């Protein structure tokens, strides 16, 4: 090796080392700036939950979830000892602390965190009032205790459900029909309660009354589409590369590459547009990690709690259904039980409407048609979610600097390796494409003209 070549190699090594040190320094700074729960917040949470007679004695926090379970915030268990009425008592809560992120996603994360806090503090009580008026059970969501949106003190404190033996299902296995049906039933109750609430609002609009529902990843700032859109587009690009090597999927790969990838942001924006009667509050993030299940002694799921409303929005109920179906339910369960699940959803929705003596706004057949109309949203969410759903906890990506040039390069390599190493992930994506082709969503002569003309319906 020549001296010049040696010097060049040494120079490259030094440059890479300095870049690595800079990255580590930035990450260290982020850790220091993460929001932390304060004693004042703990006292206020205790007062709101137990009343003014509760006196805090001690408190502590510990990590509540493992790597890969949460990406936008840190989740901790908050344990309190307190005295009340001459008794020493204990209680625990779940605390969601907003993670610090690099500049590319900082505004997005702030928006998402604020949406969840406002959902629990403002919108959830109104939804439960609609159900209470019909003598129906409140929505199966954690009980809200306290939140703060003060900078560097962002915290959301909720009921701790672990003592009621609720736990997550295995996201890599997907939900069987028993688990899925519980989620379908509860989604229907959320959607129905929001439909009733919207009808009773003076404006007749959830978005006008609760403006945070109108904020989304594509419109939260002038740079929104650029910041988040480039991450999503990279996921689509990698999926195309995978499909190009899969025998028999050449047409689907070409369709995605030529018509969907260049317009993947437009696909999303078109799909979230609403049209009566399909205008409800959507959960917005319906995948396995956001559900907790309780089981009977035989191991059968008997109850569900829905979590993480950071991406809630007004939209068609079919958006939540398509997201759930294509991120969390295997092709085998979809083939055998989809009709049953949509029937169960419609019956649950109708039950709420009947309890309030309200007109059921759509039939089962109309709901099924709306579901199929939004199938491309299921494809969209499948491509974006599946790499996260299928990875092991140890391989979960660090989103702290999501959007940066270095992160994007690592993300592409990570996605390609994930497809290579995980046959289940590969199979899941192919099964979605198979169904989309069979139903006429993908391929020549289906929605190509609507995509290219901007008339995606």
Protein backbone atom coordinates (compact mmCIF):
# COMPACT_ATOMS: atom_id res chain seq x y z
CA UNK A 1 0.00 0.00 0.00
CA UNK A 2 1.37 3.44 -0.93
CA UNK A 3 1.93 6.17 1.63
CA UNK A 4 -0.82 8.21 -0.02
CA UNK A 5 -3.28 5.33 0.23
CA UNK A 6 -2.30 4.73 3.83
CA UNK A 7 -2.80 8.37 4.71
CA UNK A 8 -6.19 8.33 2.99
CA UNK A 9 -7.27 5.23 4.93
CA UNK A 10 -6.12 6.75 8.22
CA UNK A 11 -7.94 9.96 7.35
CA UNK A 12 -11.15 8.05 6.66
CA UNK A 13 -10.80 6.17 9.94
CA UNK A 14 -10.28 9.39 11.91
CA UNK A 15 -13.25 11.02 10.16
CA UNK A 16 -15.51 8.06 10.94
CA UNK A 17 -14.33 8.00 14.54
CA UNK A 18 -15.07 11.71 14.99
CA UNK A 19 -18.53 11.27 13.46
CA UNK A 20 -19.20 8.39 15.83
CA UNK A 21 -18.07 10.46 18.80
CA UNK A 22 -20.30 13.34 17.71
CA UNK A 23 -23.27 10.97 17.45
CA UNK A 24 -22.57 9.55 20.93
CA UNK A 25 -22.29 13.07 22.32
CA UNK A 26 -25.62 14.05 20.79
CA UNK A 27 -27.27 10.93 22.17
CA UNK A 28 -25.84 11.65 25.63
CA UNK A 29 -27.27 15.16 25.44
CA UNK A 30 -30.67 13.76 24.51
CA UNK A 31 -30.69 11.46 27.51
CA UNK A 32 -30.00 14.41 29.80
CA UNK A 33 -32.87 16.38 28.26
CA UNK A 34 -35.50 13.65 28.51
CA UNK A 35 -38.60 14.60 30.46
CA UNK A 36 -38.69 13.27 34.01
CA UNK A 37 -41.60 12.93 36.38
CA UNK A 38 -41.41 15.38 39.29
CA UNK A 39 -42.60 15.04 42.86
CA UNK A 40 -45.05 17.89 42.31
CA UNK A 41 -46.60 15.91 39.46
CA UNK A 42 -46.75 12.78 41.59
CA UNK A 43 -48.51 14.66 44.39
CA UNK A 44 -51.02 16.16 41.97
CA UNK A 45 -51.73 12.76 40.41
CA UNK A 46 -52.31 11.27 43.86
CA UNK A 47 -54.61 14.15 44.84
CA UNK A 48 -56.69 13.78 41.68
CA UNK A 49 -56.98 10.03 42.08
CA UNK A 50 -57.42 9.62 45.84
CA UNK A 51 -58.60 13.04 47.01
CA UNK A 52 -57.14 15.82 49.13
CA UNK A 53 -56.84 13.59 52.19
CA UNK A 54 -54.10 11.45 50.59
CA UNK A 55 -50.57 12.31 51.77
CA UNK A 56 -47.59 11.12 49.75
CA UNK A 57 -44.98 9.21 51.77
CA UNK A 58 -42.62 7.92 49.07
CA UNK A 59 -42.49 7.14 45.37
CA UNK A 60 -40.28 5.45 42.79
CA UNK A 61 -40.29 4.60 39.09
CA UNK A 62 -39.02 1.67 37.10
CA UNK A 63 -39.06 0.73 33.43
CA UNK A 64 -42.37 -0.85 32.51
CA UNK A 65 -41.81 -2.01 28.95
CA UNK A 66 -38.95 -3.53 27.03
CA UNK A 67 -37.15 -2.23 23.98
CA UNK A 68 -39.36 -2.39 20.89
CA UNK A 69 -42.64 -1.98 22.78
CA UNK A 70 -42.72 1.81 22.51
CA UNK A 71 -41.08 4.20 20.08
CA UNK A 72 -42.42 7.67 20.87
CA UNK A 73 -42.15 7.70 24.64
CA UNK A 74 -40.69 5.99 27.68
CA UNK A 75 -43.17 4.02 29.76
CA UNK A 76 -42.54 3.56 33.46
CA UNK A 77 -44.39 2.19 36.44
CA UNK A 78 -44.85 4.75 39.18
CA UNK A 79 -45.17 3.21 42.66
CA UNK A 80 -46.49 5.32 45.54
CA UNK A 81 -46.84 4.88 49.27
CA UNK A 82 -49.32 7.24 50.89
CA UNK A 83 -51.38 7.69 54.02
CA UNK A 84 -55.10 8.32 54.16
CA UNK A 85 -57.61 8.03 56.98
CA UNK A 86 -54.88 6.79 59.37
CA UNK A 87 -53.93 3.98 57.00
CA UNK A 88 -50.71 3.32 55.08
CA UNK A 89 -51.60 2.46 51.49
CA UNK A 90 -49.95 1.82 48.14
CA UNK A 91 -50.93 2.48 44.54
CA UNK A 92 -49.20 2.33 41.18
CA UNK A 93 -49.70 4.17 37.90
CA UNK A 94 -48.31 4.04 34.39
CA UNK A 95 -46.27 7.07 33.37
CA UNK A 96 -45.60 8.01 29.75
CA UNK A 97 -42.64 10.37 29.39
CA UNK A 98 -41.99 12.09 26.08
CA UNK A 99 -38.69 11.05 24.56
CA UNK A 100 -36.31 13.66 23.21
CA UNK A 101 -35.67 13.44 19.48
CA UNK A 102 -33.44 15.09 16.92
CA UNK A 103 -34.62 18.11 14.97
CA UNK A 104 -36.07 16.06 12.09
CA UNK A 105 -38.83 14.52 14.19
CA UNK A 106 -39.00 16.77 17.24
CA UNK A 107 -42.12 18.66 16.12
CA UNK A 108 -43.84 15.45 15.05
CA UNK A 109 -43.24 13.84 18.43
CA UNK A 110 -44.42 16.96 20.24
CA UNK A 111 -47.62 16.91 18.19
CA UNK A 112 -48.24 13.21 18.79
CA UNK A 113 -47.64 13.46 22.53
CA UNK A 114 -49.95 16.46 22.83
CA UNK A 115 -52.70 14.65 20.91
CA UNK A 116 -52.73 11.75 23.35
CA UNK A 117 -52.77 14.01 26.41
CA UNK A 118 -55.66 16.03 25.01
CA UNK A 119 -57.53 12.91 23.96
CA UNK A 120 -57.48 11.54 27.50
CA UNK A 121 -58.17 14.84 29.26
CA UNK A 122 -60.75 16.35 26.87
CA UNK A 123 -62.25 13.87 24.42
CA UNK A 124 -62.44 10.61 26.37
CA UNK A 125 -64.77 12.02 29.07
CA UNK A 126 -67.14 13.26 26.36
CA UNK A 127 -67.15 9.87 24.64
CA UNK A 128 -67.90 8.08 27.89
CA UNK A 129 -70.72 10.52 28.60
CA UNK A 130 -72.39 9.36 25.38
CA UNK A 131 -72.17 5.75 26.54
CA UNK A 132 -73.24 6.56 30.08
CA UNK A 133 -76.40 8.20 28.72
CA UNK A 134 -77.35 4.79 27.33
CA UNK A 135 -76.31 2.91 30.51
CA UNK A 136 -73.39 1.34 28.63
CA UNK A 137 -69.94 0.57 30.01
CA UNK A 138 -67.20 3.18 29.54
CA UNK A 139 -64.67 2.63 26.79
CA UNK A 140 -61.98 0.07 27.48
CA UNK A 141 -59.10 2.49 27.80
CA UNK A 142 -56.83 3.21 30.77
CA UNK A 143 -58.31 5.62 33.28
CA UNK A 144 -56.80 9.10 32.94
CA UNK A 145 -55.12 10.59 36.02
CA UNK A 146 -52.94 13.60 35.09
CA UNK A 147 -50.84 15.16 32.34
CA UNK A 148 -48.43 18.03 31.81
CA UNK A 149 -47.30 19.59 28.54
CA UNK A 150 -44.74 21.91 30.13
CA UNK A 151 -41.45 21.81 28.20
CA UNK A 152 -39.06 19.18 29.61
CA UNK A 153 -41.78 18.14 32.09
CA UNK A 154 -44.11 16.37 29.66
CA UNK A 155 -45.85 13.52 31.44
CA UNK A 156 -49.03 11.49 31.07
CA UNK A 157 -50.13 9.45 34.09
CA UNK A 158 -52.69 6.69 33.61
CA UNK A 159 -54.19 3.76 35.44
CA UNK A 160 -51.87 0.76 35.91
CA UNK A 161 -53.63 -2.27 34.44
CA UNK A 162 -50.91 -4.82 35.16
CA UNK A 163 -52.47 -5.67 38.53
CA UNK A 164 -55.63 -6.65 36.67
CA UNK A 165 -53.48 -9.13 34.73
CA UNK A 166 -53.75 -7.43 31.34
CA UNK A 167 -50.82 -8.14 29.05
CA UNK A 168 -49.71 -7.86 25.43
CA UNK A 169 -50.11 -10.61 22.88
CA UNK A 170 -47.13 -11.78 20.83
CA UNK A 171 -47.01 -9.28 17.98
CA UNK A 172 -44.96 -11.57 15.72
CA UNK A 173 -47.59 -14.33 15.83
CA UNK A 174 -50.48 -12.05 14.98
CA UNK A 175 -53.91 -12.12 16.59
CA UNK A 176 -56.08 -15.21 16.33
CA UNK A 177 -59.81 -14.76 15.80
CA UNK A 178 -60.60 -14.69 19.55
CA UNK A 179 -58.15 -11.85 20.20
CA UNK A 180 -59.10 -10.01 17.01
CA UNK A 181 -62.83 -10.13 17.75
CA UNK A 182 -62.34 -8.40 21.10
CA UNK A 183 -60.50 -5.56 19.35
CA UNK A 184 -63.12 -5.29 16.58
CA UNK A 185 -65.90 -5.07 19.19
CA UNK A 186 -64.18 -2.32 21.15
CA UNK A 187 -63.17 -0.33 18.08
CA UNK A 188 -66.84 -0.34 17.10
CA UNK A 189 -67.78 1.12 20.49
CA UNK A 190 -65.19 3.89 20.16
CA UNK A 191 -66.36 4.70 16.64
CA UNK A 192 -70.03 4.63 17.62
CA UNK A 193 -69.52 6.83 20.69
CA UNK A 194 -67.69 9.38 18.55
CA UNK A 195 -70.42 9.27 15.90
CA UNK A 196 -73.01 10.09 18.56
CA UNK A 197 -70.84 12.80 20.10
CA UNK A 198 -70.28 14.46 16.73
CA UNK A 199 -74.03 14.48 16.06
CA UNK A 200 -74.60 16.29 19.38
CA UNK A 201 -71.93 18.97 18.87
CA UNK A 202 -73.21 22.43 17.85
CA UNK A 203 -70.75 22.47 14.95
CA UNK A 204 -71.48 18.88 13.98
CA UNK A 205 -67.73 18.38 13.61
CA UNK A 206 -65.27 16.58 15.87
CA UNK A 207 -62.37 18.44 14.27
CA UNK A 208 -63.88 21.87 14.90
CA UNK A 209 -64.55 21.03 18.56
CA UNK A 210 -61.30 19.11 19.13
CA UNK A 211 -58.81 20.77 16.81
CA UNK A 212 -55.97 18.42 17.74
CA UNK A 213 -57.74 15.71 15.72
CA UNK A 214 -56.96 17.70 12.59
CA UNK A 215 -53.22 17.54 13.18
CA UNK A 216 -51.39 14.65 11.59
CA UNK A 217 -47.92 13.63 10.50
CA UNK A 218 -48.40 15.25 7.07
CA UNK A 219 -49.60 18.69 8.23
CA UNK A 220 -48.24 19.47 11.70
CA UNK A 221 -45.75 21.99 10.26
CA UNK A 222 -44.56 23.42 6.95
CA UNK A 223 -41.79 20.82 6.90
CA UNK A 224 -44.01 17.93 7.97
CA UNK A 225 -44.20 16.02 4.71
CA UNK A 226 -40.48 16.39 4.11
CA UNK A 227 -39.50 15.27 7.60
CA UNK A 228 -41.75 12.24 8.02
CA UNK A 229 -42.44 11.58 4.36
CA UNK A 230 -38.86 10.70 3.50
CA UNK A 231 -38.86 7.97 6.15
CA UNK A 232 -42.07 6.46 4.82
CA UNK A 233 -40.89 6.67 1.22
CA UNK A 234 -37.72 4.79 2.13
CA UNK A 235 -39.81 1.97 3.61
CA UNK A 236 -41.73 1.74 0.33
CA UNK A 237 -38.51 1.77 -1.70
CA UNK A 238 -37.05 -1.12 0.27
CA UNK A 239 -40.29 -3.10 -0.11
CA UNK A 240 -40.10 -2.61 -3.88
CA UNK A 241 -36.53 -3.94 -3.90
CA UNK A 242 -37.66 -7.01 -1.97
CA UNK A 243 -40.57 -7.65 -4.32
CA UNK A 244 -38.35 -7.28 -7.38
CA UNK A 245 -36.46 -10.38 -6.25
CA UNK A 246 -39.61 -12.38 -5.43
CA UNK A 247 -40.69 -14.71 -8.21
CA UNK A 248 -44.20 -13.94 -9.43
CA UNK A 249 -44.37 -10.46 -7.88
CA UNK A 250 -42.80 -8.50 -10.71
CA UNK A 251 -46.09 -6.82 -11.63
CA UNK A 252 -46.81 -5.80 -8.05
CA UNK A 253 -43.28 -4.45 -7.67
CA UNK A 254 -43.61 -2.40 -10.85
CA UNK A 255 -47.01 -1.08 -9.74
CA UNK A 256 -45.62 0.02 -6.39
CA UNK A 257 -42.47 1.51 -7.89
CA UNK A 258 -44.12 3.45 -10.70
CA UNK A 259 -47.42 4.54 -9.19
CA UNK A 260 -47.43 4.25 -5.40
CA UNK A 261 -43.90 5.11 -4.22
CA UNK A 262 -43.80 8.52 -5.97
CA UNK A 263 -47.22 9.33 -4.49
CA UNK A 264 -47.24 7.46 -1.18
CA UNK A 265 -47.93 10.70 0.70
CA UNK A 266 -50.82 11.52 -1.63
CA UNK A 267 -52.25 8.04 -1.06
CA UNK A 268 -52.33 8.69 2.68
CA UNK A 269 -53.88 12.15 2.36
CA UNK A 270 -56.57 10.91 -0.01
CA UNK A 271 -57.43 7.94 2.20
CA UNK A 272 -57.91 9.94 5.40
CA UNK A 273 -60.48 12.22 3.75
CA UNK A 274 -63.93 11.52 5.16
CA UNK A 275 -67.39 11.36 3.68
CA UNK A 276 -70.68 10.81 5.56
CA UNK A 277 -71.74 8.50 7.04
CA UNK A 278 -68.20 7.22 7.55
CA UNK A 279 -66.88 9.97 9.83
CA UNK A 280 -65.73 8.84 13.27
CA UNK A 281 -62.88 9.14 15.72
CA UNK A 282 -60.17 6.74 14.57
CA UNK A 283 -57.68 5.21 16.98
CA UNK A 284 -55.10 5.76 14.24
CA UNK A 285 -52.50 3.24 15.41
CA UNK A 286 -54.28 -0.12 15.51
CA UNK A 287 -51.62 -2.78 15.81
CA UNK A 288 -50.88 -5.53 18.31
CA UNK A 289 -48.61 -3.54 20.63
CA UNK A 290 -51.44 -1.15 21.41
CA UNK A 291 -53.77 -3.77 22.86
CA UNK A 292 -53.69 -5.44 26.29
CA UNK A 293 -55.62 -8.65 26.89
CA UNK A 294 -56.91 -10.40 30.00
CA UNK A 295 -57.31 -14.19 30.01
CA UNK A 296 -59.44 -16.73 31.83
CA UNK A 297 -58.02 -19.76 33.63
CA UNK A 298 -58.06 -21.74 30.39
CA UNK A 299 -55.90 -19.12 28.66
CA UNK A 300 -58.71 -17.72 26.50
CA UNK A 301 -58.80 -13.92 25.96
CA UNK A 302 -61.87 -12.44 27.65
CA UNK A 303 -61.23 -8.70 27.73
CA UNK A 304 -59.18 -6.05 25.96
CA UNK A 305 -57.86 -2.57 26.69
CA UNK A 306 -56.77 -0.25 23.88
CA UNK A 307 -53.69 1.93 24.33
CA UNK A 308 -51.72 4.74 22.68
CA UNK A 309 -53.97 7.36 21.13
CA UNK A 310 -51.07 9.46 19.85
CA UNK A 311 -52.21 9.15 16.24
CA UNK A 312 -55.96 9.58 16.79
CA UNK A 313 -57.75 11.41 14.00
CA UNK A 314 -61.15 11.82 12.42
CA UNK A 315 -61.54 9.40 9.54
CA UNK A 316 -63.39 6.44 8.13
CA UNK A 317 -63.80 3.50 10.52
CA UNK A 318 -62.40 1.40 7.66
CA UNK A 319 -58.98 3.01 8.24
CA UNK A 320 -58.71 1.44 11.69
CA UNK A 321 -60.08 -1.87 10.41
CA UNK A 322 -57.64 -2.06 7.50
CA UNK A 323 -54.71 -1.13 9.72
CA UNK A 324 -55.65 -3.81 12.24
CA UNK A 325 -56.27 -6.48 9.61
CA UNK A 326 -53.05 -6.01 7.65
CA UNK A 327 -50.62 -5.33 10.50
CA UNK A 328 -51.86 -7.72 13.16
CA UNK A 329 -53.93 -10.56 11.66
CA UNK A 330 -52.29 -13.32 9.63
CA UNK A 331 -53.40 -14.26 6.13
CA UNK A 332 -54.80 -17.56 7.43
CA UNK A 333 -57.04 -15.81 9.98
CA UNK A 334 -58.01 -13.15 7.47
CA UNK A 335 -59.10 -15.77 4.94
CA UNK A 336 -61.13 -17.77 7.47
CA UNK A 337 -62.64 -15.07 9.66
CA UNK A 338 -62.69 -11.59 8.09
CA UNK A 339 -66.42 -11.69 7.28
CA UNK A 340 -67.19 -12.83 10.84
CA UNK A 341 -65.06 -10.04 12.32
CA UNK A 342 -66.68 -7.30 10.25
CA UNK A 343 -70.12 -8.67 11.15
CA UNK A 344 -69.13 -8.58 14.84
CA UNK A 345 -67.94 -4.99 14.42
CA UNK A 346 -71.21 -3.92 12.79
CA UNK A 347 -73.29 -5.58 15.50
CA UNK A 348 -71.26 -3.87 18.24
CA UNK A 349 -71.58 -0.49 16.51
CA UNK A 350 -75.32 -1.01 16.04
CA UNK A 351 -75.79 -1.98 19.69
CA UNK A 352 -74.48 1.41 20.82
CA UNK A 353 -76.65 3.27 18.34
CA UNK A 354 -79.77 1.33 19.36
CA UNK A 355 -79.08 1.99 23.03
CA UNK A 356 -79.29 5.72 22.28
CA UNK A 357 -82.28 5.20 19.97
CA UNK A 358 -80.21 6.59 17.11
CA UNK A 359 -80.37 5.62 13.46
CA UNK A 360 -77.71 3.11 12.41
CA UNK A 361 -75.86 5.10 9.72
CA UNK A 362 -74.71 2.22 7.52
CA UNK A 363 -75.57 -1.40 6.81
CA UNK A 364 -73.17 -4.31 6.97
CA UNK A 365 -72.91 -4.36 3.17
CA UNK A 366 -72.15 -0.63 3.07
CA UNK A 367 -69.48 -1.10 5.75
CA UNK A 368 -67.92 -3.96 3.80
CA UNK A 369 -67.86 -1.83 0.67
CA UNK A 370 -66.20 1.00 2.60
CA UNK A 371 -63.65 -1.44 4.03
CA UNK A 372 -62.72 -2.66 0.55
CA UNK A 373 -62.60 0.90 -0.75
CA UNK A 374 -59.91 1.61 1.86
CA UNK A 375 -57.87 -1.55 1.23
CA UNK A 376 -55.04 0.46 -0.25
CA UNK A 377 -54.69 2.07 3.19
CA UNK A 378 -54.25 -1.44 4.57
CA UNK A 379 -51.46 -2.03 2.06
CA UNK A 380 -49.94 1.33 2.99
CA UNK A 381 -49.94 0.60 6.72
CA UNK A 382 -48.77 -2.97 6.16
CA UNK A 383 -45.66 -1.79 4.34
CA UNK A 384 -44.92 0.82 7.00
CA UNK A 385 -45.72 -1.28 10.09
CA UNK A 386 -44.65 -4.85 9.32
CA UNK A 387 -40.89 -4.28 9.75
CA UNK A 388 -41.64 -2.99 13.26
CA UNK A 389 -44.19 -5.69 14.04
CA UNK A 390 -41.94 -8.59 13.09
CA UNK A 391 -38.60 -7.63 14.60
CA UNK A 392 -37.31 -8.94 17.90
CA UNK A 393 -36.98 -6.54 20.81
CA UNK A 394 -33.19 -6.64 20.60
CA UNK A 395 -33.28 -5.51 16.97
CA UNK A 396 -35.75 -2.66 17.54
CA UNK A 397 -34.47 0.53 15.86
CA UNK A 398 -33.51 3.66 17.75
CA UNK A 399 -35.76 6.48 16.54
CA UNK A 400 -33.93 9.21 18.46
CA UNK A 401 -32.38 10.62 15.30
CA UNK A 402 -34.95 9.38 12.81
CA UNK A 403 -34.79 11.37 9.61
CA UNK A 404 -31.12 12.29 9.77
CA UNK A 405 -28.93 11.28 6.84
CA UNK A 406 -26.99 8.76 8.91
CA UNK A 407 -30.19 7.28 10.31
CA UNK A 408 -31.75 6.95 6.85
CA UNK A 409 -28.72 5.04 5.57
CA UNK A 410 -28.83 2.70 8.55
CA UNK A 411 -32.60 2.33 8.19
CA UNK A 412 -32.32 1.09 4.60
CA UNK A 413 -29.71 -1.50 5.57
CA UNK A 414 -31.74 -2.54 8.58
CA UNK A 415 -34.92 -3.06 6.53
CA UNK A 416 -33.14 -5.06 3.86
CA UNK A 417 -31.46 -7.25 6.47
CA UNK A 418 -34.77 -7.69 8.31
CA UNK A 419 -36.45 -9.05 5.18
CA UNK A 420 -33.48 -11.33 4.49
CA UNK A 421 -33.36 -12.71 8.04
CA UNK A 422 -37.07 -12.95 8.80
CA UNK A 423 -39.06 -15.32 6.55
CA UNK A 424 -42.27 -14.50 8.45
CA UNK A 425 -41.93 -10.81 7.63
CA UNK A 426 -41.30 -11.66 3.98
CA UNK A 427 -44.30 -14.00 3.90
CA UNK A 428 -46.58 -11.43 5.55
CA UNK A 429 -45.85 -8.72 2.99
CA UNK A 430 -46.32 -11.16 0.10
CA UNK A 431 -49.66 -12.31 1.54
CA UNK A 432 -50.88 -8.71 1.62
CA UNK A 433 -49.87 -8.22 -2.01
CA UNK A 434 -51.65 -11.46 -2.95
CA UNK A 435 -54.89 -10.23 -1.42
CA UNK A 436 -54.57 -6.79 -2.97
CA UNK A 437 -54.05 -8.35 -6.39
CA UNK A 438 -57.01 -10.70 -5.99
CA UNK A 439 -59.31 -7.86 -4.90
CA UNK A 440 -58.18 -5.59 -7.73
CA UNK A 441 -56.28 -3.05 -5.64
CA UNK A 442 -52.92 -3.72 -7.33
CA UNK A 443 -51.92 -4.63 -10.83
CA UNK A 444 -52.68 -3.47 -14.33
CA UNK A 445 -56.21 -2.24 -14.98
CA UNK A 446 -57.23 -1.66 -11.36
CA UNK A 447 -56.49 1.58 -9.53
CA UNK A 448 -53.57 2.59 -11.74
CA UNK A 449 -55.52 5.34 -13.49
CA UNK A 450 -56.98 6.66 -10.24
CA UNK A 451 -53.54 6.77 -8.62
CA UNK A 452 -51.89 8.53 -11.53
CA UNK A 453 -54.73 11.04 -11.80
CA UNK A 454 -54.84 11.75 -8.07
CA UNK A 455 -58.34 10.32 -7.67
CA UNK A 456 -57.59 7.58 -5.16
CA UNK A 457 -60.83 6.52 -3.52
